[in-house]
């Protein structure tokens, strides 16, 4: 139901780590996301909401050869990849 979806987005918007999906979007675009990390795996899934009402579900998964949990270049690539995908959808009118 819409109310349950809204509650989940509200909880996800409280994400403490703001360096993956949110890093790819400008101020004014709301990002509600959940991060996941395992050795060599970096991921984040979330909902992107534009001021014009556009709403997009996004999930980006990345693998690195190094097993460290913190990889700033991978985190930035996750945000950039999400932005490219959402920009494509927006330009296609979806």
PDB file of N, CA and C in Angstrom:
ATOM      1  N   UNK A   1       0.829  -1.204   0.000  1.00  0.00           N
ATOM      2  CA  UNK A   1       0.000   0.000   0.000  1.00  0.00           C
ATOM      3  C   UNK A   1       0.872   1.267   0.000  1.00  0.00           C
ATOM      4  N   UNK A   2       0.370   2.342  -0.574  1.00  0.00           N
ATOM      5  CA  UNK A   2       1.143   3.586  -0.634  1.00  0.00           C
ATOM      6  C   UNK A   2       1.667   4.050   0.725  1.00  0.00           C
ATOM      7  N   UNK A   3       0.871   3.901   1.779  1.00  0.00           N
ATOM      8  CA  UNK A   3       1.313   4.339   3.105  1.00  0.00           C
ATOM      9  C   UNK A   3       2.522   3.532   3.573  1.00  0.00           C
ATOM     10  N   UNK A   4       2.518   2.240   3.332  1.00  0.00           N
ATOM     11  CA  UNK A   4       3.657   1.400   3.724  1.00  0.00           C
ATOM     12  C   UNK A   4       4.905   1.787   2.927  1.00  0.00           C
ATOM     13  N   UNK A   5       4.740   2.045   1.636  1.00  0.00           N
ATOM     14  CA  UNK A   5       5.874   2.468   0.808  1.00  0.00           C
ATOM     15  C   UNK A   5       6.442   3.786   1.316  1.00  0.00           C
ATOM     16  N   UNK A   6       5.572   4.709   1.662  1.00  0.00           N
ATOM     17  CA  UNK A   6       6.012   5.995   2.193  1.00  0.00           C
ATOM     18  C   UNK A   6       6.800   5.823   3.490  1.00  0.00           C
ATOM     19  N   UNK A   7       6.327   4.944   4.356  1.00  0.00           N
ATOM     20  CA  UNK A   7       7.030   4.699   5.616  1.00  0.00           C
ATOM     21  C   UNK A   7       8.410   4.108   5.378  1.00  0.00           C
ATOM     22  N   UNK A   8       8.530   3.183   4.442  1.00  0.00           N
ATOM     23  CA  UNK A   8       9.832   2.585   4.137  1.00  0.00           C
ATOM     24  C   UNK A   8      10.768   3.636   3.557  1.00  0.00           C
ATOM     25  N   UNK A   9      10.262   4.484   2.648  1.00  0.00           N
ATOM     26  CA  UNK A   9      11.106   5.548   2.090  1.00  0.00           C
ATOM     27  C   UNK A   9      11.565   6.505   3.182  1.00  0.00           C
ATOM     28  N   UNK A  10      10.687   6.811   4.122  1.00  0.00           N
ATOM     29  CA  UNK A  10      11.054   7.695   5.231  1.00  0.00           C
ATOM     30  C   UNK A  10      12.171   7.082   6.073  1.00  0.00           C
ATOM     31  N   UNK A  11      12.078   5.806   6.358  1.00  0.00           N
ATOM     32  CA  UNK A  11      13.135   5.130   7.117  1.00  0.00           C
ATOM     33  C   UNK A  11      14.450   5.107   6.328  1.00  0.00           C
ATOM     34  N   UNK A  12      14.358   4.808   5.039  1.00  0.00           N
ATOM     35  CA  UNK A  12      15.561   4.742   4.212  1.00  0.00           C
ATOM     36  C   UNK A  12      16.206   6.119   4.058  1.00  0.00           C
ATOM     37  N   UNK A  13      15.426   7.177   4.126  1.00  0.00           N
ATOM     38  CA  UNK A  13      15.965   8.532   4.002  1.00  0.00           C
ATOM     39  C   UNK A  13      16.834   8.906   5.201  1.00  0.00           C
ATOM     40  N   UNK A  14      16.738   8.149   6.260  1.00  0.00           N
ATOM     41  CA  UNK A  14      17.559   8.390   7.452  1.00  0.00           C
ATOM     42  C   UNK A  14      18.932   7.730   7.352  1.00  0.00           C
ATOM     43  N   UNK A  15      19.257   7.194   6.210  1.00  0.00           N
ATOM     44  CA  UNK A  15      20.533   6.519   5.978  1.00  0.00           C
ATOM     45  C   UNK A  15      21.690   7.383   6.457  1.00  0.00           C
ATOM     46  N   UNK A  16      22.512   6.814   7.300  1.00  0.00           N
ATOM     47  CA  UNK A  16      23.649   7.563   7.853  1.00  0.00           C
ATOM     48  C   UNK A  16      24.754   7.761   6.820  1.00  0.00           C
ATOM     49  N   UNK A  17      24.922   6.808   5.915  1.00  0.00           N
ATOM     50  CA  UNK A  17      25.974   6.898   4.912  1.00  0.00           C
ATOM     51  C   UNK A  17      25.416   7.584   3.677  1.00  0.00           C
ATOM     52  N   UNK A  18      25.970   8.735   3.325  1.00  0.00           N
ATOM     53  CA  UNK A  18      25.426   9.550   2.253  1.00  0.00           C
ATOM     54  C   UNK A  18      26.429   9.694   1.106  1.00  0.00           C
ATOM     55  N   UNK A  19      27.254   8.681   0.898  1.00  0.00           N
ATOM     56  CA  UNK A  19      28.330   8.818  -0.069  1.00  0.00           C
ATOM     57  C   UNK A  19      28.170   7.924  -1.293  1.00  0.00           C
ATOM     58  N   UNK A  20      27.107   7.181  -1.388  1.00  0.00           N
ATOM     59  CA  UNK A  20      26.927   6.328  -2.561  1.00  0.00           C
ATOM     60  C   UNK A  20      25.873   6.938  -3.490  1.00  0.00           C
ATOM     61  N   UNK A  21      24.648   6.486  -3.479  1.00  0.00           N
ATOM     62  CA  UNK A  21      23.643   7.007  -4.416  1.00  0.00           C
ATOM     63  C   UNK A  21      23.514   8.515  -4.337  1.00  0.00           C
ATOM     64  N   UNK A  22      23.410   9.041  -3.137  1.00  0.00           N
ATOM     65  CA  UNK A  22      23.159  10.479  -2.984  1.00  0.00           C
ATOM     66  C   UNK A  22      24.281  11.320  -3.604  1.00  0.00           C
ATOM     67  N   UNK A  23      25.481  10.777  -3.671  1.00  0.00           N
ATOM     68  CA  UNK A  23      26.603  11.548  -4.226  1.00  0.00           C
ATOM     69  C   UNK A  23      26.416  11.864  -5.706  1.00  0.00           C
ATOM     70  N   UNK A  24      25.541  11.149  -6.393  1.00  0.00           N
ATOM     71  CA  UNK A  24      25.339  11.375  -7.815  1.00  0.00           C
ATOM     72  C   UNK A  24      24.259  12.377  -8.161  1.00  0.00           C
ATOM     73  N   UNK A  25      23.553  12.891  -7.153  1.00  0.00           N
ATOM     74  CA  UNK A  25      22.402  13.746  -7.428  1.00  0.00           C
ATOM     75  C   UNK A  25      22.563  15.125  -6.793  1.00  0.00           C
ATOM     76  N   UNK A  26      22.001  16.140  -7.456  1.00  0.00           N
ATOM     77  CA  UNK A  26      22.136  17.504  -6.932  1.00  0.00           C
ATOM     78  C   UNK A  26      21.243  17.733  -5.710  1.00  0.00           C
ATOM     79  N   UNK A  27      21.530  18.814  -4.998  1.00  0.00           N
ATOM     80  CA  UNK A  27      20.665  19.225  -3.893  1.00  0.00           C
ATOM     81  C   UNK A  27      19.254  19.413  -4.433  1.00  0.00           C
ATOM     82  N   UNK A  28      18.289  19.104  -3.621  1.00  0.00           N
ATOM     83  CA  UNK A  28      16.904  19.232  -4.034  1.00  0.00           C
ATOM     84  C   UNK A  28      16.304  17.928  -4.527  1.00  0.00           C
ATOM     85  N   UNK A  29      17.158  16.966  -4.846  1.00  0.00           N
ATOM     86  CA  UNK A  29      16.695  15.640  -5.225  1.00  0.00           C
ATOM     87  C   UNK A  29      16.797  14.767  -3.975  1.00  0.00           C
ATOM     88  N   UNK A  30      15.683  14.198  -3.552  1.00  0.00           N
ATOM     89  CA  UNK A  30      15.658  13.383  -2.337  1.00  0.00           C
ATOM     90  C   UNK A  30      16.081  11.956  -2.656  1.00  0.00           C
ATOM     91  N   UNK A  31      16.946  11.423  -1.818  1.00  0.00           N
ATOM     92  CA  UNK A  31      17.415  10.052  -1.980  1.00  0.00           C
ATOM     93  C   UNK A  31      17.140   9.302  -0.691  1.00  0.00           C
ATOM     94  N   UNK A  32      16.400   8.214  -0.800  1.00  0.00           N
ATOM     95  CA  UNK A  32      16.145   7.326   0.330  1.00  0.00           C
ATOM     96  C   UNK A  32      16.767   5.991  -0.044  1.00  0.00           C
ATOM     97  N   UNK A  33      17.797   5.570   0.687  1.00  0.00           N
ATOM     98  CA  UNK A  33      18.559   4.399   0.238  1.00  0.00           C
ATOM     99  C   UNK A  33      19.057   3.558   1.389  1.00  0.00           C
ATOM    100  N   UNK A  34      19.410   2.325   1.062  1.00  0.00           N
ATOM    101  CA  UNK A  34      20.014   1.399   2.011  1.00  0.00           C
ATOM    102  C   UNK A  34      21.283   0.848   1.398  1.00  0.00           C
ATOM    103  N   UNK A  35      22.366   0.960   2.159  1.00  0.00           N
ATOM    104  CA  UNK A  35      23.674   0.500   1.720  1.00  0.00           C
ATOM    105  C   UNK A  35      23.913  -0.934   2.164  1.00  0.00           C
ATOM    106  N   UNK A  36      24.645  -1.662   1.357  1.00  0.00           N
ATOM    107  CA  UNK A  36      25.089  -3.004   1.729  1.00  0.00           C
ATOM    108  C   UNK A  36      26.534  -3.169   1.316  1.00  0.00           C
ATOM    109  N   UNK A  37      27.321  -3.787   2.170  1.00  0.00           N
ATOM    110  CA  UNK A  37      28.732  -3.997   1.863  1.00  0.00           C
ATOM    111  C   UNK A  37      29.168  -5.350   2.396  1.00  0.00           C
ATOM    112  N   UNK A  38      29.858  -6.084   1.549  1.00  0.00           N
ATOM    113  CA  UNK A  38      30.527  -7.325   1.921  1.00  0.00           C
ATOM    114  C   UNK A  38      31.934  -7.226   1.345  1.00  0.00           C
ATOM    115  N   UNK A  39      32.859  -8.039   1.787  1.00  0.00           N
ATOM    116  CA  UNK A  39      34.207  -7.954   1.226  1.00  0.00           C
ATOM    117  C   UNK A  39      34.196  -8.039  -0.304  1.00  0.00           C
ATOM    118  N   UNK A  40      34.635  -6.969  -0.938  1.00  0.00           N
ATOM    119  CA  UNK A  40      34.696  -6.907  -2.388  1.00  0.00           C
ATOM    120  C   UNK A  40      33.382  -6.572  -3.072  1.00  0.00           C
ATOM    121  N   UNK A  41      32.309  -6.440  -2.319  1.00  0.00           N
ATOM    122  CA  UNK A  41      31.001  -6.113  -2.889  1.00  0.00           C
ATOM    123  C   UNK A  41      30.478  -4.831  -2.263  1.00  0.00           C
ATOM    124  N   UNK A  42      30.006  -3.945  -3.106  1.00  0.00           N
ATOM    125  CA  UNK A  42      29.523  -2.638  -2.668  1.00  0.00           C
ATOM    126  C   UNK A  42      28.193  -2.400  -3.368  1.00  0.00           C
ATOM    127  N   UNK A  43      27.164  -2.088  -2.611  1.00  0.00           N
ATOM    128  CA  UNK A  43      25.858  -1.919  -3.237  1.00  0.00           C
ATOM    129  C   UNK A  43      25.016  -0.906  -2.494  1.00  0.00           C
ATOM    130  N   UNK A  44      24.046  -0.380  -3.208  1.00  0.00           N
ATOM    131  CA  UNK A  44      23.058   0.478  -2.575  1.00  0.00           C
ATOM    132  C   UNK A  44      21.799   0.438  -3.435  1.00  0.00           C
ATOM    133  N   UNK A  45      20.666   0.384  -2.771  1.00  0.00           N
ATOM    134  CA  UNK A  45      19.376   0.401  -3.444  1.00  0.00           C
ATOM    135  C   UNK A  45      18.543   1.498  -2.802  1.00  0.00           C
ATOM    136  N   UNK A  46      17.747   2.164  -3.612  1.00  0.00           N
ATOM    137  CA  UNK A  46      16.951   3.228  -3.043  1.00  0.00           C
ATOM    138  C   UNK A  46      15.940   3.806  -4.008  1.00  0.00           C
ATOM    139  N   UNK A  47      15.328   4.890  -3.556  1.00  0.00           N
ATOM    140  CA  UNK A  47      14.332   5.610  -4.334  1.00  0.00           C
ATOM    141  C   UNK A  47      14.801   7.048  -4.475  1.00  0.00           C
ATOM    142  N   UNK A  48      14.787   7.529  -5.704  1.00  0.00           N
ATOM    143  CA  UNK A  48      15.194   8.893  -6.027  1.00  0.00           C
ATOM    144  C   UNK A  48      13.924   9.677  -6.330  1.00  0.00           C
ATOM    145  N   UNK A  49      13.735  10.809  -5.634  1.00  0.00           N
ATOM    146  CA  UNK A  49      12.534  11.627  -5.859  1.00  0.00           C
ATOM    147  C   UNK A  49      12.965  13.033  -6.288  1.00  0.00           C
ATOM    148  N   UNK A  50      12.524  13.415  -7.487  1.00  0.00           N
ATOM    149  CA  UNK A  50      12.811  14.746  -8.010  1.00  0.00           C
ATOM    150  C   UNK A  50      11.737  15.737  -7.567  1.00  0.00           C
ATOM    151  N   UNK A  51      12.085  17.018  -7.493  1.00  0.00           N
ATOM    152  CA  UNK A  51      11.101  18.028  -7.083  1.00  0.00           C
ATOM    153  C   UNK A  51       9.855  18.062  -7.973  1.00  0.00           C
ATOM    154  N   UNK A  52       9.980  17.636  -9.231  1.00  0.00           N
ATOM    155  CA  UNK A  52       8.827  17.629 -10.142  1.00  0.00           C
ATOM    156  C   UNK A  52       7.926  16.415  -9.930  1.00  0.00           C
ATOM    157  N   UNK A  53       8.247  15.575  -8.937  1.00  0.00           N
ATOM    158  CA  UNK A  53       7.430  14.399  -8.636  1.00  0.00           C
ATOM    159  C   UNK A  53       7.947  13.116  -9.245  1.00  0.00           C
ATOM    160  N   UNK A  54       8.973  13.211 -10.104  1.00  0.00           N
ATOM    161  CA  UNK A  54       9.552  12.005 -10.686  1.00  0.00           C
ATOM    162  C   UNK A  54      10.121  11.107  -9.598  1.00  0.00           C
ATOM    163  N   UNK A  55       9.814   9.824  -9.671  1.00  0.00           N
ATOM    164  CA  UNK A  55      10.195   8.861  -8.649  1.00  0.00           C
ATOM    165  C   UNK A  55      10.824   7.662  -9.344  1.00  0.00           C
ATOM    166  N   UNK A  56      12.030   7.283  -8.910  1.00  0.00           N
ATOM    167  CA  UNK A  56      12.774   6.221  -9.585  1.00  0.00           C
ATOM    168  C   UNK A  56      13.380   5.267  -8.560  1.00  0.00           C
ATOM    169  N   UNK A  57      13.161   3.976  -8.759  1.00  0.00           N
ATOM    170  CA  UNK A  57      13.812   2.959  -7.929  1.00  0.00           C
ATOM    171  C   UNK A  57      15.143   2.627  -8.589  1.00  0.00           C
ATOM    172  N   UNK A  58      16.202   2.596  -7.781  1.00  0.00           N
ATOM    173  CA  UNK A  58      17.549   2.379  -8.312  1.00  0.00           C
ATOM    174  C   UNK A  58      18.284   1.382  -7.422  1.00  0.00           C
ATOM    175  N   UNK A  59      19.018   0.476  -8.053  1.00  0.00           N
ATOM    176  CA  UNK A  59      19.913  -0.419  -7.320  1.00  0.00           C
ATOM    177  C   UNK A  59      21.205  -0.530  -8.121  1.00  0.00           C
ATOM    178  N   UNK A  60      22.329  -0.311  -7.457  1.00  0.00           N
ATOM    179  CA  UNK A  60      23.634  -0.405  -8.109  1.00  0.00           C
ATOM    180  C   UNK A  60      24.497  -1.356  -7.290  1.00  0.00           C
ATOM    181  N   UNK A  61      25.092  -2.316  -7.963  1.00  0.00           N
ATOM    182  CA  UNK A  61      25.962  -3.294  -7.338  1.00  0.00           C
ATOM    183  C   UNK A  61      27.322  -3.220  -8.010  1.00  0.00           C
ATOM    184  N   UNK A  62      28.376  -3.191  -7.216  1.00  0.00           N
ATOM    185  CA  UNK A  62      29.740  -3.115  -7.762  1.00  0.00           C
ATOM    186  C   UNK A  62      30.611  -4.152  -7.075  1.00  0.00           C
ATOM    187  N   UNK A  63      31.566  -4.655  -7.822  1.00  0.00           N
ATOM    188  CA  UNK A  63      32.521  -5.613  -7.276  1.00  0.00           C
ATOM    189  C   UNK A  63      33.917  -5.035  -7.442  1.00  0.00           C
ATOM    190  N   UNK A  64      34.732  -5.173  -6.418  1.00  0.00           N
ATOM    191  CA  UNK A  64      36.119  -4.721  -6.507  1.00  0.00           C
ATOM    192  C   UNK A  64      37.038  -5.903  -6.231  1.00  0.00           C
ATOM    193  N   UNK A  65      38.217  -5.824  -6.770  1.00  0.00           N
ATOM    194  CA  UNK A  65      39.186  -6.912  -6.572  1.00  0.00           C
ATOM    195  C   UNK A  65      39.726  -6.928  -5.151  1.00  0.00           C
ATOM    196  N   UNK A  66      39.823  -5.741  -4.570  1.00  0.00           N
ATOM    197  CA  UNK A  66      40.301  -5.652  -3.194  1.00  0.00           C
ATOM    198  C   UNK A  66      39.137  -5.901  -2.248  1.00  0.00           C
ATOM    199  N   UNK A  67      39.396  -6.567  -1.158  1.00  0.00           N
ATOM    200  CA  UNK A  67      38.336  -6.957  -0.243  1.00  0.00           C
ATOM    201  C   UNK A  67      38.073  -5.940   0.859  1.00  0.00           C
ATOM    202  N   UNK A  68      38.605  -4.738   0.731  1.00  0.00           N
ATOM    203  CA  UNK A  68      38.380  -3.707   1.749  1.00  0.00           C
ATOM    204  C   UNK A  68      36.932  -3.217   1.668  1.00  0.00           C
ATOM    205  N   UNK A  69      36.391  -2.843   2.810  1.00  0.00           N
ATOM    206  CA  UNK A  69      35.001  -2.390   2.860  1.00  0.00           C
ATOM    207  C   UNK A  69      34.851  -0.966   2.350  1.00  0.00           C
ATOM    208  N   UNK A  70      35.847  -0.122   2.572  1.00  0.00           N
ATOM    209  CA  UNK A  70      35.751   1.281   2.201  1.00  0.00           C
ATOM    210  C   UNK A  70      36.539   1.536   0.920  1.00  0.00           C
ATOM    211  N   UNK A  71      35.841   1.920  -0.132  1.00  0.00           N
ATOM    212  CA  UNK A  71      36.453   2.231  -1.416  1.00  0.00           C
ATOM    213  C   UNK A  71      35.778   3.484  -1.955  1.00  0.00           C
ATOM    214  N   UNK A  72      36.374   4.646  -1.681  1.00  0.00           N
ATOM    215  CA  UNK A  72      35.722   5.903  -2.045  1.00  0.00           C
ATOM    216  C   UNK A  72      35.464   6.026  -3.550  1.00  0.00           C
ATOM    217  N   UNK A  73      36.377   5.510  -4.382  1.00  0.00           N
ATOM    218  CA  UNK A  73      36.163   5.616  -5.820  1.00  0.00           C
ATOM    219  C   UNK A  73      35.009   4.729  -6.269  1.00  0.00           C
ATOM    220  N   UNK A  74      34.813   3.603  -5.619  1.00  0.00           N
ATOM    221  CA  UNK A  74      33.677   2.734  -5.945  1.00  0.00           C
ATOM    222  C   UNK A  74      32.380   3.396  -5.489  1.00  0.00           C
ATOM    223  N   UNK A  75      32.398   3.978  -4.305  1.00  0.00           N
ATOM    224  CA  UNK A  75      31.210   4.667  -3.798  1.00  0.00           C
ATOM    225  C   UNK A  75      30.798   5.798  -4.733  1.00  0.00           C
ATOM    226  N   UNK A  76      31.750   6.579  -5.200  1.00  0.00           N
ATOM    227  CA  UNK A  76      31.451   7.672  -6.134  1.00  0.00           C
ATOM    228  C   UNK A  76      30.921   7.125  -7.458  1.00  0.00           C
ATOM    229  N   UNK A  77      31.468   6.001  -7.910  1.00  0.00           N
ATOM    230  CA  UNK A  77      31.003   5.388  -9.157  1.00  0.00           C
ATOM    231  C   UNK A  77      29.564   4.898  -9.024  1.00  0.00           C
ATOM    232  N   UNK A  78      29.178   4.445  -7.848  1.00  0.00           N
ATOM    233  CA  UNK A  78      27.800   4.009  -7.616  1.00  0.00           C
ATOM    234  C   UNK A  78      26.854   5.201  -7.808  1.00  0.00           C
ATOM    235  N   UNK A  79      27.193   6.339  -7.225  1.00  0.00           N
ATOM    236  CA  UNK A  79      26.365   7.535  -7.395  1.00  0.00           C
ATOM    237  C   UNK A  79      26.303   7.988  -8.837  1.00  0.00           C
ATOM    238  N   UNK A  80      27.440   7.992  -9.511  1.00  0.00           N
ATOM    239  CA  UNK A  80      27.489   8.435 -10.910  1.00  0.00           C
ATOM    240  C   UNK A  80      26.686   7.496 -11.807  1.00  0.00           C
ATOM    241  N   UNK A  81      26.784   6.210 -11.564  1.00  0.00           N
ATOM    242  CA  UNK A  81      26.047   5.228 -12.356  1.00  0.00           C
ATOM    243  C   UNK A  81      24.546   5.394 -12.173  1.00  0.00           C
ATOM    244  N   UNK A  82      24.127   5.604 -10.936  1.00  0.00           N
ATOM    245  CA  UNK A  82      22.701   5.816 -10.667  1.00  0.00           C
ATOM    246  C   UNK A  82      22.205   7.056 -11.397  1.00  0.00           C
ATOM    247  N   UNK A  83      22.981   8.113 -11.364  1.00  0.00           N
ATOM    248  CA  UNK A  83      22.581   9.361 -12.027  1.00  0.00           C
ATOM    249  C   UNK A  83      22.460   9.165 -13.530  1.00  0.00           C
ATOM    250  N   UNK A  84      23.396   8.466 -14.131  1.00  0.00           N
ATOM    251  CA  UNK A  84      23.339   8.203 -15.578  1.00  0.00           C
ATOM    252  C   UNK A  84      22.061   7.450 -15.928  1.00  0.00           C
ATOM    253  N   UNK A  85      21.737   6.428 -15.145  1.00  0.00           N
ATOM    254  CA  UNK A  85      20.540   5.627 -15.415  1.00  0.00           C
ATOM    255  C   UNK A  85      19.270   6.462 -15.261  1.00  0.00           C
ATOM    256  N   UNK A  86      19.188   7.232 -14.191  1.00  0.00           N
ATOM    257  CA  UNK A  86      17.991   8.042 -13.953  1.00  0.00           C
ATOM    258  C   UNK A  86      17.885   9.149 -14.997  1.00  0.00           C
ATOM    259  N   UNK A  87      18.994   9.778 -15.357  1.00  0.00           N
ATOM    260  CA  UNK A  87      18.959  10.806 -16.405  1.00  0.00           C
ATOM    261  C   UNK A  87      18.434  10.225 -17.712  1.00  0.00           C
ATOM    262  N   UNK A  88      18.846   8.999 -18.041  1.00  0.00           N
ATOM    263  CA  UNK A  88      18.371   8.348 -19.254  1.00  0.00           C
ATOM    264  C   UNK A  88      16.855   8.150 -19.189  1.00  0.00           C
ATOM    265  N   UNK A  89      16.367   7.642 -18.063  1.00  0.00           N
ATOM    266  CA  UNK A  89      14.929   7.425 -17.912  1.00  0.00           C
ATOM    267  C   UNK A  89      14.156   8.740 -18.015  1.00  0.00           C
ATOM    268  N   UNK A  90      14.685   9.781 -17.372  1.00  0.00           N
ATOM    269  CA  UNK A  90      14.018  11.082 -17.413  1.00  0.00           C
ATOM    270  C   UNK A  90      14.004  11.650 -18.828  1.00  0.00           C
ATOM    271  N   UNK A  91      15.096  11.486 -19.561  1.00  0.00           N
ATOM    272  CA  UNK A  91      15.146  12.016 -20.934  1.00  0.00           C
ATOM    273  C   UNK A  91      14.220  11.242 -21.864  1.00  0.00           C
ATOM    274  N   UNK A  92      13.933   9.995 -21.528  1.00  0.00           N
ATOM    275  CA  UNK A  92      13.028   9.182 -22.332  1.00  0.00           C
ATOM    276  C   UNK A  92      11.568   9.388 -21.927  1.00  0.00           C
ATOM    277  N   UNK A  93      11.354  10.228 -20.920  1.00  0.00           N
ATOM    278  CA  UNK A  93       9.992  10.503 -20.463  1.00  0.00           C
ATOM    279  C   UNK A  93       9.401   9.402 -19.618  1.00  0.00           C
ATOM    280  N   UNK A  94      10.267   8.593 -19.044  1.00  0.00           N
ATOM    281  CA  UNK A  94       9.773   7.478 -18.214  1.00  0.00           C
ATOM    282  C   UNK A  94       9.792   7.854 -16.744  1.00  0.00           C
TER     283      UNK A  94
END
